[in-house]
Amino acid sequence: MKPLIQLLAYSFLFVFLNSCGHIFEVDADVQARQALLDLIEIQKKFYQENKRYATGFSEIGKYNLKYHSGIVYLEIESAGKNKYRAISLPAESTTARVFAFDTDQGGFYE
């Protein structure tokens, strides 16, 4: 009887833990975060070359920022000589996570 209870308990835990994984982070969340982290690195390079931050994606075209625009919404909300703010979020997500980078607010936050 004890092996049967253990089998049921392990089966329940296996199914429960695997099914909850997608609730907390889905692939679109991972892609949105990575797109913003890539943009942060590109903005650093752009700033070193131009002594200002890029205001649009056309300015950073040579850096080959790659992300799936159907899955990730990425925007440079504002940019200036010494500061910028960018956001990234999954276009269609059940988690409603938003990733942002703001030089005035201390960097990357979620």
PDB file of N, CA and C in Angstrom:
ATOM      1  N   MET A   1       0.819  -1.194   0.000  1.00  0.00           N
ATOM      2  CA  MET A   1       0.000   0.000   0.000  1.00  0.00           C
ATOM      3  C   MET A   1       0.866   1.261   0.000  1.00  0.00           C
ATOM      4  N   LYS A   2       1.967   1.204   0.741  1.00  0.00           N
ATOM      5  CA  LYS A   2       2.830   2.376   0.824  1.00  0.00           C
ATOM      6  C   LYS A   2       3.434   2.753  -0.538  1.00  0.00           C
ATOM      7  N   PRO A   3       3.904   1.815  -1.359  1.00  0.00           N
ATOM      8  CA  PRO A   3       4.422   2.183  -2.679  1.00  0.00           C
ATOM      9  C   PRO A   3       3.362   2.848  -3.561  1.00  0.00           C
ATOM     10  N   LEU A   4       2.106   2.430  -3.419  1.00  0.00           N
ATOM     11  CA  LEU A   4       1.031   3.035  -4.200  1.00  0.00           C
ATOM     12  C   LEU A   4       0.833   4.497  -3.804  1.00  0.00           C
ATOM     13  N   ILE A   5       0.865   4.778  -2.529  1.00  0.00           N
ATOM     14  CA  ILE A   5       0.714   6.160  -2.048  1.00  0.00           C
ATOM     15  C   ILE A   5       1.889   7.012  -2.512  1.00  0.00           C
ATOM     16  N   GLN A   6       3.084   6.455  -2.442  1.00  0.00           N
ATOM     17  CA  GLN A   6       4.258   7.194  -2.920  1.00  0.00           C
ATOM     18  C   GLN A   6       4.159   7.477  -4.414  1.00  0.00           C
ATOM     19  N   LEU A   7       3.726   6.489  -5.169  1.00  0.00           N
ATOM     20  CA  LEU A   7       3.572   6.667  -6.609  1.00  0.00           C
ATOM     21  C   LEU A   7       2.556   7.762  -6.916  1.00  0.00           C
ATOM     22  N   LEU A   8       1.440   7.749  -6.222  1.00  0.00           N
ATOM     23  CA  LEU A   8       0.421   8.783  -6.427  1.00  0.00           C
ATOM     24  C   LEU A   8       0.941  10.162  -6.018  1.00  0.00           C
ATOM     25  N   ALA A   9       1.648  10.225  -4.917  1.00  0.00           N
ATOM     26  CA  ALA A   9       2.190  11.505  -4.450  1.00  0.00           C
ATOM     27  C   ALA A   9       3.210  12.060  -5.438  1.00  0.00           C
ATOM     28  N   TYR A  10       4.112  11.219  -5.900  1.00  0.00           N
ATOM     29  CA  TYR A  10       5.109  11.671  -6.877  1.00  0.00           C
ATOM     30  C   TYR A  10       4.461  12.053  -8.200  1.00  0.00           C
ATOM     31  N   SER A  11       3.467  11.301  -8.609  1.00  0.00           N
ATOM     32  CA  SER A  11       2.760  11.627  -9.855  1.00  0.00           C
ATOM     33  C   SER A  11       2.072  12.981  -9.739  1.00  0.00           C
ATOM     34  N   PHE A  12       1.420  13.218  -8.607  1.00  0.00           N
ATOM     35  CA  PHE A  12       0.746  14.496  -8.385  1.00  0.00           C
ATOM     36  C   PHE A  12       1.750  15.643  -8.403  1.00  0.00           C
ATOM     37  N   LEU A  13       2.849  15.490  -7.694  1.00  0.00           N
ATOM     38  CA  LEU A  13       3.859  16.546  -7.661  1.00  0.00           C
ATOM     39  C   LEU A  13       4.454  16.794  -9.043  1.00  0.00           C
ATOM     40  N   PHE A  14       4.720  15.740  -9.770  1.00  0.00           N
ATOM     41  CA  PHE A  14       5.286  15.877 -11.111  1.00  0.00           C
ATOM     42  C   PHE A  14       4.342  16.656 -12.020  1.00  0.00           C
ATOM     43  N   VAL A  15       3.091  16.293 -12.034  1.00  0.00           N
ATOM     44  CA  VAL A  15       2.108  16.969 -12.890  1.00  0.00           C
ATOM     45  C   VAL A  15       1.893  18.399 -12.421  1.00  0.00           C
ATOM     46  N   PHE A  16       1.744  18.612 -11.125  1.00  0.00           N
ATOM     47  CA  PHE A  16       1.476  19.946 -10.595  1.00  0.00           C
ATOM     48  C   PHE A  16       2.638  20.901 -10.849  1.00  0.00           C
ATOM     49  N   LEU A  17       3.842  20.470 -10.569  1.00  0.00           N
ATOM     50  CA  LEU A  17       4.994  21.353 -10.733  1.00  0.00           C
ATOM     51  C   LEU A  17       5.263  21.666 -12.199  1.00  0.00           C
ATOM     52  N   ASN A  18       5.068  20.721 -13.077  1.00  0.00           N
ATOM     53  CA  ASN A  18       5.264  20.982 -14.504  1.00  0.00           C
ATOM     54  C   ASN A  18       4.195  21.893 -15.072  1.00  0.00           C
ATOM     55  N   SER A  19       2.985  21.773 -14.619  1.00  0.00           N
ATOM     56  CA  SER A  19       1.905  22.584 -15.175  1.00  0.00           C
ATOM     57  C   SER A  19       1.951  24.017 -14.674  1.00  0.00           C
ATOM     58  N   CYS A  20       2.585  24.290 -13.549  1.00  0.00           N
ATOM     59  CA  CYS A  20       2.656  25.657 -13.030  1.00  0.00           C
ATOM     60  C   CYS A  20       3.804  26.455 -13.626  1.00  0.00           C
ATOM     61  N   GLY A  21       4.728  25.796 -14.263  1.00  0.00           N
ATOM     62  CA  GLY A  21       5.886  26.503 -14.806  1.00  0.00           C
ATOM     63  C   GLY A  21       5.514  27.564 -15.812  1.00  0.00           C
ATOM     64  N   HIS A  22       4.556  27.283 -16.666  1.00  0.00           N
ATOM     65  CA  HIS A  22       4.194  28.246 -17.702  1.00  0.00           C
ATOM     66  C   HIS A  22       3.431  29.438 -17.150  1.00  0.00           C
ATOM     67  N   ILE A  23       2.881  29.339 -15.968  1.00  0.00           N
ATOM     68  CA  ILE A  23       2.151  30.463 -15.387  1.00  0.00           C
ATOM     69  C   ILE A  23       3.110  31.585 -15.025  1.00  0.00           C
ATOM     70  N   PHE A  24       4.267  31.252 -14.535  1.00  0.00           N
ATOM     71  CA  PHE A  24       5.176  32.254 -14.018  1.00  0.00           C
ATOM     72  C   PHE A  24       6.087  32.860 -15.071  1.00  0.00           C
ATOM     73  N   GLU A  25       6.445  32.126 -16.084  1.00  0.00           N
ATOM     74  CA  GLU A  25       7.263  32.692 -17.150  1.00  0.00           C
ATOM     75  C   GLU A  25       7.059  31.888 -18.421  1.00  0.00           C
ATOM     76  N   VAL A  26       6.611  32.574 -19.429  1.00  0.00           N
ATOM     77  CA  VAL A  26       6.397  31.931 -20.720  1.00  0.00           C
ATOM     78  C   VAL A  26       7.504  32.366 -21.673  1.00  0.00           C
ATOM     79  N   ASP A  27       7.582  31.702 -22.800  1.00  0.00           N
ATOM     80  CA  ASP A  27       8.630  31.982 -23.777  1.00  0.00           C
ATOM     81  C   ASP A  27       8.605  33.441 -24.237  1.00  0.00           C
ATOM     82  N   ALA A  28       7.424  34.007 -24.378  1.00  0.00           N
ATOM     83  CA  ALA A  28       7.323  35.408 -24.802  1.00  0.00           C
ATOM     84  C   ALA A  28       7.944  36.345 -23.770  1.00  0.00           C
ATOM     85  N   ASP A  29       7.809  36.019 -22.484  1.00  0.00           N
ATOM     86  CA  ASP A  29       8.450  36.819 -21.434  1.00  0.00           C
ATOM     87  C   ASP A  29       9.965  36.778 -21.576  1.00  0.00           C
ATOM     88  N   VAL A  30      10.485  35.600 -21.817  1.00  0.00           N
ATOM     89  CA  VAL A  30      11.933  35.430 -21.978  1.00  0.00           C
ATOM     90  C   VAL A  30      12.422  36.235 -23.179  1.00  0.00           C
ATOM     91  N   GLN A  31      11.688  36.168 -24.283  1.00  0.00           N
ATOM     92  CA  GLN A  31      12.074  36.909 -25.482  1.00  0.00           C
ATOM     93  C   GLN A  31      11.998  38.415 -25.259  1.00  0.00           C
ATOM     94  N   ALA A  32      10.979  38.877 -24.533  1.00  0.00           N
ATOM     95  CA  ALA A  32      10.842  40.309 -24.257  1.00  0.00           C
ATOM     96  C   ALA A  32      11.992  40.809 -23.390  1.00  0.00           C
ATOM     97  N   ARG A  33      12.333  40.044 -22.358  1.00  0.00           N
ATOM     98  CA  ARG A  33      13.443  40.439 -21.493  1.00  0.00           C
ATOM     99  C   ARG A  33      14.748  40.479 -22.279  1.00  0.00           C
ATOM    100  N   GLN A  34      14.983  39.468 -23.097  1.00  0.00           N
ATOM    101  CA  GLN A  34      16.225  39.407 -23.861  1.00  0.00           C
ATOM    102  C   GLN A  34      16.309  40.540 -24.874  1.00  0.00           C
ATOM    103  N   ALA A  35      15.194  40.889 -25.502  1.00  0.00           N
ATOM    104  CA  ALA A  35      15.194  41.998 -26.460  1.00  0.00           C
ATOM    105  C   ALA A  35      15.589  43.299 -25.768  1.00  0.00           C
ATOM    106  N   LEU A  36      15.072  43.528 -24.559  1.00  0.00           N
ATOM    107  CA  LEU A  36      15.432  44.745 -23.831  1.00  0.00           C
ATOM    108  C   LEU A  36      16.893  44.711 -23.405  1.00  0.00           C
ATOM    109  N   LEU A  37      17.374  43.582 -22.935  1.00  0.00           N
ATOM    110  CA  LEU A  37      18.785  43.486 -22.544  1.00  0.00           C
ATOM    111  C   LEU A  37      19.704  43.723 -23.743  1.00  0.00           C
ATOM    112  N   ASP A  38      19.309  43.219 -24.912  1.00  0.00           N
ATOM    113  CA  ASP A  38      20.088  43.473 -26.131  1.00  0.00           C
ATOM    114  C   ASP A  38      20.072  44.958 -26.480  1.00  0.00           C
ATOM    115  N   LEU A  39      18.912  45.591 -26.332  1.00  0.00           N
ATOM    116  CA  LEU A  39      18.811  47.029 -26.604  1.00  0.00           C
ATOM    117  C   LEU A  39      19.687  47.834 -25.644  1.00  0.00           C
ATOM    118  N   ILE A  40      19.739  47.436 -24.396  1.00  0.00           N
ATOM    119  CA  ILE A  40      20.581  48.127 -23.407  1.00  0.00           C
ATOM    120  C   ILE A  40      22.042  48.090 -23.850  1.00  0.00           C
ATOM    121  N   GLU A  41      22.507  46.929 -24.274  1.00  0.00           N
ATOM    122  CA  GLU A  41      23.900  46.806 -24.731  1.00  0.00           C
ATOM    123  C   GLU A  41      24.151  47.655 -25.973  1.00  0.00           C
ATOM    124  N   ILE A  42      23.197  47.676 -26.881  1.00  0.00           N
ATOM    125  CA  ILE A  42      23.348  48.487 -28.093  1.00  0.00           C
ATOM    126  C   ILE A  42      23.368  49.968 -27.746  1.00  0.00           C
ATOM    127  N   GLN A  43      22.529  50.390 -26.816  1.00  0.00           N
ATOM    128  CA  GLN A  43      22.517  51.798 -26.406  1.00  0.00           C
ATOM    129  C   GLN A  43      23.863  52.189 -25.781  1.00  0.00           C
ATOM    130  N   LYS A  44      24.471  51.286 -25.034  1.00  0.00           N
ATOM    131  CA  LYS A  44      25.796  51.569 -24.464  1.00  0.00           C
ATOM    132  C   LYS A  44      26.819  51.800 -25.573  1.00  0.00           C
ATOM    133  N   LYS A  45      26.805  50.938 -26.583  1.00  0.00           N
ATOM    134  CA  LYS A  45      27.730  51.099 -27.710  1.00  0.00           C
ATOM    135  C   LYS A  45      27.447  52.388 -28.470  1.00  0.00           C
ATOM    136  N   PHE A  46      26.169  52.667 -28.705  1.00  0.00           N
ATOM    137  CA  PHE A  46      25.785  53.871 -29.435  1.00  0.00           C
ATOM    138  C   PHE A  46      26.237  55.120 -28.671  1.00  0.00           C
ATOM    139  N   TYR A  47      26.084  55.095 -27.350  1.00  0.00           N
ATOM    140  CA  TYR A  47      26.489  56.237 -26.530  1.00  0.00           C
ATOM    141  C   TYR A  47      28.002  56.457 -26.596  1.00  0.00           C
ATOM    142  N   GLN A  48      28.773  55.390 -26.578  1.00  0.00           N
ATOM    143  CA  GLN A  48      30.231  55.522 -26.661  1.00  0.00           C
ATOM    144  C   GLN A  48      30.659  56.152 -27.977  1.00  0.00           C
ATOM    145  N   GLU A  49      29.944  55.836 -29.044  1.00  0.00           N
ATOM    146  CA  GLU A  49      30.302  56.367 -30.357  1.00  0.00           C
ATOM    147  C   GLU A  49      29.777  57.776 -30.607  1.00  0.00           C
ATOM    148  N   ASN A  50      28.607  58.110 -30.046  1.00  0.00           N
ATOM    149  CA  ASN A  50      27.928  59.358 -30.396  1.00  0.00           C
ATOM    150  C   ASN A  50      27.732  60.333 -29.240  1.00  0.00           C
ATOM    151  N   LYS A  51      28.071  59.935 -28.044  1.00  0.00           N
ATOM    152  CA  LYS A  51      27.919  60.766 -26.839  1.00  0.00           C
ATOM    153  C   LYS A  51      26.469  61.192 -26.606  1.00  0.00           C
ATOM    154  N   ARG A  52      25.557  60.356 -27.025  1.00  0.00           N
ATOM    155  CA  ARG A  52      24.127  60.519 -26.757  1.00  0.00           C
ATOM    156  C   ARG A  52      23.464  59.165 -26.987  1.00  0.00           C
ATOM    157  N   TYR A  53      22.230  59.040 -26.523  1.00  0.00           N
ATOM    158  CA  TYR A  53      21.496  57.795 -26.714  1.00  0.00           C
ATOM    159  C   TYR A  53      20.630  57.870 -27.963  1.00  0.00           C
ATOM    160  N   ALA A  54      20.403  56.741 -28.592  1.00  0.00           N
ATOM    161  CA  ALA A  54      19.572  56.672 -29.798  1.00  0.00           C
ATOM    162  C   ALA A  54      18.115  56.929 -29.430  1.00  0.00           C
ATOM    163  N   THR A  55      17.440  57.694 -30.275  1.00  0.00           N
ATOM    164  CA  THR A  55      16.029  58.000 -30.033  1.00  0.00           C
ATOM    165  C   THR A  55      15.088  57.070 -30.789  1.00  0.00           C
ATOM    166  N   GLY A  56      15.616  56.344 -31.753  1.00  0.00           N
ATOM    167  CA  GLY A  56      14.777  55.439 -32.535  1.00  0.00           C
ATOM    168  C   GLY A  56      15.571  54.266 -33.057  1.00  0.00           C
ATOM    169  N   PHE A  57      14.856  53.282 -33.545  1.00  0.00           N
ATOM    170  CA  PHE A  57      15.507  52.071 -34.029  1.00  0.00           C
ATOM    171  C   PHE A  57      16.255  52.293 -35.337  1.00  0.00           C
ATOM    172  N   SER A  58      15.871  53.306 -36.092  1.00  0.00           N
ATOM    173  CA  SER A  58      16.585  53.575 -37.344  1.00  0.00           C
ATOM    174  C   SER A  58      18.029  54.004 -37.081  1.00  0.00           C
ATOM    175  N   GLU A  59      18.279  54.627 -35.950  1.00  0.00           N
ATOM    176  CA  GLU A  59      19.637  55.065 -35.606  1.00  0.00           C
ATOM    177  C   GLU A  59      20.547  53.901 -35.218  1.00  0.00           C
ATOM    178  N   ILE A  60      19.972  52.827 -34.740  1.00  0.00           N
ATOM    179  CA  ILE A  60      20.783  51.696 -34.277  1.00  0.00           C
ATOM    180  C   ILE A  60      20.683  50.506 -35.229  1.00  0.00           C
ATOM    181  N   GLY A  61      20.296  50.759 -36.449  1.00  0.00           N
ATOM    182  CA  GLY A  61      20.128  49.699 -37.439  1.00  0.00           C
ATOM    183  C   GLY A  61      21.381  48.890 -37.697  1.00  0.00           C
ATOM    184  N   LYS A  62      22.536  49.531 -37.633  1.00  0.00           N
ATOM    185  CA  LYS A  62      23.781  48.817 -37.939  1.00  0.00           C
ATOM    186  C   LYS A  62      24.169  47.794 -36.874  1.00  0.00           C
ATOM    187  N   TYR A  63      23.516  47.847 -35.710  1.00  0.00           N
ATOM    188  CA  TYR A  63      23.846  46.920 -34.625  1.00  0.00           C
ATOM    189  C   TYR A  63      23.059  45.612 -34.703  1.00  0.00           C
ATOM    190  N   ASN A  64      22.161  45.512 -35.676  1.00  0.00           N
ATOM    191  CA  ASN A  64      21.401  44.275 -35.912  1.00  0.00           C
ATOM    192  C   ASN A  64      20.639  43.777 -34.688  1.00  0.00           C
ATOM    193  N   LEU A  65      19.853  44.651 -34.101  1.00  0.00           N
ATOM    194  CA  LEU A  65      18.977  44.238 -33.005  1.00  0.00           C
ATOM    195  C   LEU A  65      17.928  43.293 -33.575  1.00  0.00           C
ATOM    196  N   LYS A  66      17.887  42.084 -33.043  1.00  0.00           N
ATOM    197  CA  LYS A  66      16.964  41.080 -33.560  1.00  0.00           C
ATOM    198  C   LYS A  66      15.968  40.678 -32.475  1.00  0.00           C
ATOM    199  N   TYR A  67      14.706  40.788 -32.824  1.00  0.00           N
ATOM    200  CA  TYR A  67      13.636  40.299 -31.968  1.00  0.00           C
ATOM    201  C   TYR A  67      12.416  40.082 -32.852  1.00  0.00           C
ATOM    202  N   HIS A  68      11.512  39.253 -32.403  1.00  0.00           N
ATOM    203  CA  HIS A  68      10.318  38.927 -33.180  1.00  0.00           C
ATOM    204  C   HIS A  68       9.248  39.971 -32.867  1.00  0.00           C
ATOM    205  N   SER A  69       8.984  40.867 -33.809  1.00  0.00           N
ATOM    206  CA  SER A  69       8.057  41.968 -33.557  1.00  0.00           C
ATOM    207  C   SER A  69       6.614  41.497 -33.390  1.00  0.00           C
ATOM    208  N   GLY A  70       6.306  40.283 -33.777  1.00  0.00           N
ATOM    209  CA  GLY A  70       4.973  39.744 -33.537  1.00  0.00           C
ATOM    210  C   GLY A  70       4.807  39.204 -32.130  1.00  0.00           C
ATOM    211  N   ILE A  71       5.914  38.948 -31.457  1.00  0.00           N
ATOM    212  CA  ILE A  71       5.876  38.410 -30.099  1.00  0.00           C
ATOM    213  C   ILE A  71       6.249  39.473 -29.070  1.00  0.00           C
ATOM    214  N   VAL A  72       7.181  40.351 -29.417  1.00  0.00           N
ATOM    215  CA  VAL A  72       7.708  41.333 -28.469  1.00  0.00           C
ATOM    216  C   VAL A  72       7.397  42.746 -28.938  1.00  0.00           C
ATOM    217  N   TYR A  73       6.876  43.559 -28.011  1.00  0.00           N
ATOM    218  CA  TYR A  73       6.709  44.982 -28.260  1.00  0.00           C
ATOM    219  C   TYR A  73       7.878  45.682 -27.575  1.00  0.00           C
ATOM    220  N   LEU A  74       8.687  46.368 -28.338  1.00  0.00           N
ATOM    221  CA  LEU A  74       9.881  47.035 -27.822  1.00  0.00           C
ATOM    222  C   LEU A  74       9.831  48.489 -28.256  1.00  0.00           C
ATOM    223  N   GLU A  75      10.050  49.396 -27.313  1.00  0.00           N
ATOM    224  CA  GLU A  75       9.967  50.821 -27.633  1.00  0.00           C
ATOM    225  C   GLU A  75      10.999  51.611 -26.844  1.00  0.00           C
ATOM    226  N   ILE A  76      11.626  52.561 -27.522  1.00  0.00           N
ATOM    227  CA  ILE A  76      12.445  53.566 -26.843  1.00  0.00           C
ATOM    228  C   ILE A  76      11.493  54.724 -26.572  1.00  0.00           C
ATOM    229  N   GLU A  77      11.038  54.854 -25.334  1.00  0.00           N
ATOM    230  CA  GLU A  77      10.035  55.865 -25.012  1.00  0.00           C
ATOM    231  C   GLU A  77      10.597  57.273 -25.072  1.00  0.00           C
ATOM    232  N   SER A  78      11.790  57.437 -24.545  1.00  0.00           N
ATOM    233  CA  SER A  78      12.423  58.755 -24.581  1.00  0.00           C
ATOM    234  C   SER A  78      13.930  58.564 -24.540  1.00  0.00           C
ATOM    235  N   ALA A  79      14.618  59.513 -25.135  1.00  0.00           N
ATOM    236  CA  ALA A  79      16.080  59.451 -25.140  1.00  0.00           C
ATOM    237  C   ALA A  79      16.619  60.859 -25.297  1.00  0.00           C
ATOM    238  N   GLY A  80      17.741  61.085 -24.678  1.00  0.00           N
ATOM    239  CA  GLY A  80      18.389  62.381 -24.763  1.00  0.00           C
ATOM    240  C   GLY A  80      19.890  62.217 -24.698  1.00  0.00           C
ATOM    241  N   LYS A  81      20.542  63.307 -24.386  1.00  0.00           N
ATOM    242  CA  LYS A  81      21.999  63.289 -24.350  1.00  0.00           C
ATOM    243  C   LYS A  81      22.533  62.371 -23.252  1.00  0.00           C
ATOM    244  N   ASN A  82      21.920  62.410 -22.074  1.00  0.00           N
ATOM    245  CA  ASN A  82      22.452  61.656 -20.939  1.00  0.00           C
ATOM    246  C   ASN A  82      21.485  60.650 -20.329  1.00  0.00           C
ATOM    247  N   LYS A  83      20.331  60.454 -20.925  1.00  0.00           N
ATOM    248  CA  LYS A  83      19.377  59.519 -20.335  1.00  0.00           C
ATOM    249  C   LYS A  83      18.462  58.940 -21.410  1.00  0.00           C
ATOM    250  N   TYR A  84      17.887  57.791 -21.082  1.00  0.00           N
ATOM    251  CA  TYR A  84      16.873  57.199 -21.949  1.00  0.00           C
ATOM    252  C   TYR A  84      16.002  56.245 -21.154  1.00  0.00           C
ATOM    253  N   ARG A  85      14.854  55.960 -21.732  1.00  0.00           N
ATOM    254  CA  ARG A  85      13.905  55.014 -21.144  1.00  0.00           C
ATOM    255  C   ARG A  85      13.385  54.129 -22.264  1.00  0.00           C
ATOM    256  N   ALA A  86      13.396  52.819 -22.019  1.00  0.00           N
ATOM    257  CA  ALA A  86      12.888  51.854 -22.993  1.00  0.00           C
ATOM    258  C   ALA A  86      12.054  50.809 -22.266  1.00  0.00           C
ATOM    259  N   ILE A  87      11.051  50.302 -22.965  1.00  0.00           N
ATOM    260  CA  ILE A  87      10.215  49.252 -22.395  1.00  0.00           C
ATOM    261  C   ILE A  87      10.116  48.091 -23.371  1.00  0.00           C
ATOM    262  N   SER A  88       9.825  46.942 -22.805  1.00  0.00           N
ATOM    263  CA  SER A  88       9.647  45.733 -23.598  1.00  0.00           C
ATOM    264  C   SER A  88       8.588  44.885 -22.913  1.00  0.00           C
ATOM    265  N   LEU A  89       7.683  44.353 -23.714  1.00  0.00           N
ATOM    266  CA  LEU A  89       6.680  43.471 -23.160  1.00  0.00           C
ATOM    267  C   LEU A  89       6.233  42.467 -24.210  1.00  0.00           C
ATOM    268  N   PRO A  90       5.782  41.317 -23.753  1.00  0.00           N
ATOM    269  CA  PRO A  90       5.263  40.341 -24.708  1.00  0.00           C
ATOM    270  C   PRO A  90       3.991  40.886 -25.345  1.00  0.00           C
ATOM    271  N   ALA A  91       3.866  40.746 -26.650  1.00  0.00           N
ATOM    272  CA  ALA A  91       2.700  41.277 -27.349  1.00  0.00           C
ATOM    273  C   ALA A  91       1.414  40.595 -26.880  1.00  0.00           C
ATOM    274  N   GLU A  92       1.457  39.307 -26.723  1.00  0.00           N
ATOM    275  CA  GLU A  92       0.300  38.561 -26.224  1.00  0.00           C
ATOM    276  C   GLU A  92       0.786  37.637 -25.124  1.00  0.00           C
ATOM    277  N   SER A  93       0.494  38.017 -23.885  1.00  0.00           N
ATOM    278  CA  SER A  93       0.999  37.230 -22.771  1.00  0.00           C
ATOM    279  C   SER A  93      -0.066  37.099 -21.698  1.00  0.00           C
ATOM    280  N   THR A  94      -0.062  35.969 -21.037  1.00  0.00           N
ATOM    281  CA  THR A  94      -0.969  35.757 -19.913  1.00  0.00           C
ATOM    282  C   THR A  94      -0.374  36.268 -18.614  1.00  0.00           C
ATOM    283  N   THR A  95       0.899  36.643 -18.625  1.00  0.00           N
ATOM    284  CA  THR A  95       1.561  37.053 -17.386  1.00  0.00           C
ATOM    285  C   THR A  95       1.543  38.552 -17.158  1.00  0.00           C
ATOM    286  N   ALA A  96       1.303  39.346 -18.185  1.00  0.00           N
ATOM    287  CA  ALA A  96       1.253  40.807 -18.092  1.00  0.00           C
ATOM    288  C   ALA A  96       2.534  41.394 -17.499  1.00  0.00           C
ATOM    289  N   ARG A  97       3.659  40.854 -17.878  1.00  0.00           N
ATOM    290  CA  ARG A  97       4.938  41.358 -17.385  1.00  0.00           C
ATOM    291  C   ARG A  97       5.453  42.445 -18.311  1.00  0.00           C
ATOM    292  N   VAL A  98       6.002  43.486 -17.719  1.00  0.00           N
ATOM    293  CA  VAL A  98       6.596  44.588 -18.468  1.00  0.00           C
ATOM    294  C   VAL A  98       8.019  44.757 -17.966  1.00  0.00           C
ATOM    295  N   PHE A  99       8.946  44.851 -18.887  1.00  0.00           N
ATOM    296  CA  PHE A  99      10.349  45.058 -18.547  1.00  0.00           C
ATOM    297  C   PHE A  99      10.714  46.466 -18.985  1.00  0.00           C
ATOM    298  N   ALA A 100      11.449  47.165 -18.150  1.00  0.00           N
ATOM    299  CA  ALA A 100      11.802  48.545 -18.472  1.00  0.00           C
ATOM    300  C   ALA A 100      13.242  48.819 -18.079  1.00  0.00           C
ATOM    301  N   PHE A 101      13.820  49.787 -18.766  1.00  0.00           N
ATOM    302  CA  PHE A 101      15.143  50.288 -18.413  1.00  0.00           C
ATOM    303  C   PHE A 101      15.050  51.797 -18.440  1.00  0.00           C
ATOM    304  N   ASP A 102      15.419  52.415 -17.339  1.00  0.00           N
ATOM    305  CA  ASP A 102      15.356  53.865 -17.224  1.00  0.00           C
ATOM    306  C   ASP A 102      16.600  54.334 -16.482  1.00  0.00           C
ATOM    307  N   THR A 103      17.397  55.158 -17.139  1.00  0.00           N
ATOM    308  CA  THR A 103      18.622  55.632 -16.499  1.00  0.00           C
ATOM    309  C   THR A 103      18.312  56.511 -15.292  1.00  0.00           C
ATOM    310  N   ASP A 104      17.175  57.205 -15.306  1.00  0.00           N
ATOM    311  CA  ASP A 104      16.801  58.042 -14.160  1.00  0.00           C
ATOM    312  C   ASP A 104      16.289  57.230 -12.976  1.00  0.00           C
ATOM    313  N   GLN A 105      15.769  56.045 -13.231  1.00  0.00           N
ATOM    314  CA  GLN A 105      15.196  55.214 -12.171  1.00  0.00           C
ATOM    315  C   GLN A 105      16.147  54.121 -11.693  1.00  0.00           C
ATOM    316  N   GLY A 106      17.370  54.150 -12.124  1.00  0.00           N
ATOM    317  CA  GLY A 106      18.346  53.199 -11.613  1.00  0.00           C
ATOM    318  C   GLY A 106      18.598  51.980 -12.475  1.00  0.00           C
ATOM    319  N   GLY A 107      18.095  51.968 -13.687  1.00  0.00           N
ATOM    320  CA  GLY A 107      18.416  50.860 -14.576  1.00  0.00           C
ATOM    321  C   GLY A 107      17.249  49.956 -14.881  1.00  0.00           C
ATOM    322  N   PHE A 108      17.534  48.650 -14.923  1.00  0.00           N
ATOM    323  CA  PHE A 108      16.559  47.638 -15.340  1.00  0.00           C
ATOM    324  C   PHE A 108      15.609  47.307 -14.206  1.00  0.00           C
ATOM    325  N   TYR A 109      14.338  47.238 -14.522  1.00  0.00           N
ATOM    326  CA  TYR A 109      13.358  46.764 -13.553  1.00  0.00           C
ATOM    327  C   TYR A 109      12.199  46.110 -14.276  1.00  0.00           C
ATOM    328  N   GLU A 110      11.402  45.397 -13.512  1.00  0.00           N
ATOM    329  CA  GLU A 110      10.299  44.621 -14.067  1.00  0.00           C
ATOM    330  C   GLU A 110       9.009  45.056 -13.425  1.00  0.00           C
TER     331      GLU A 110
END
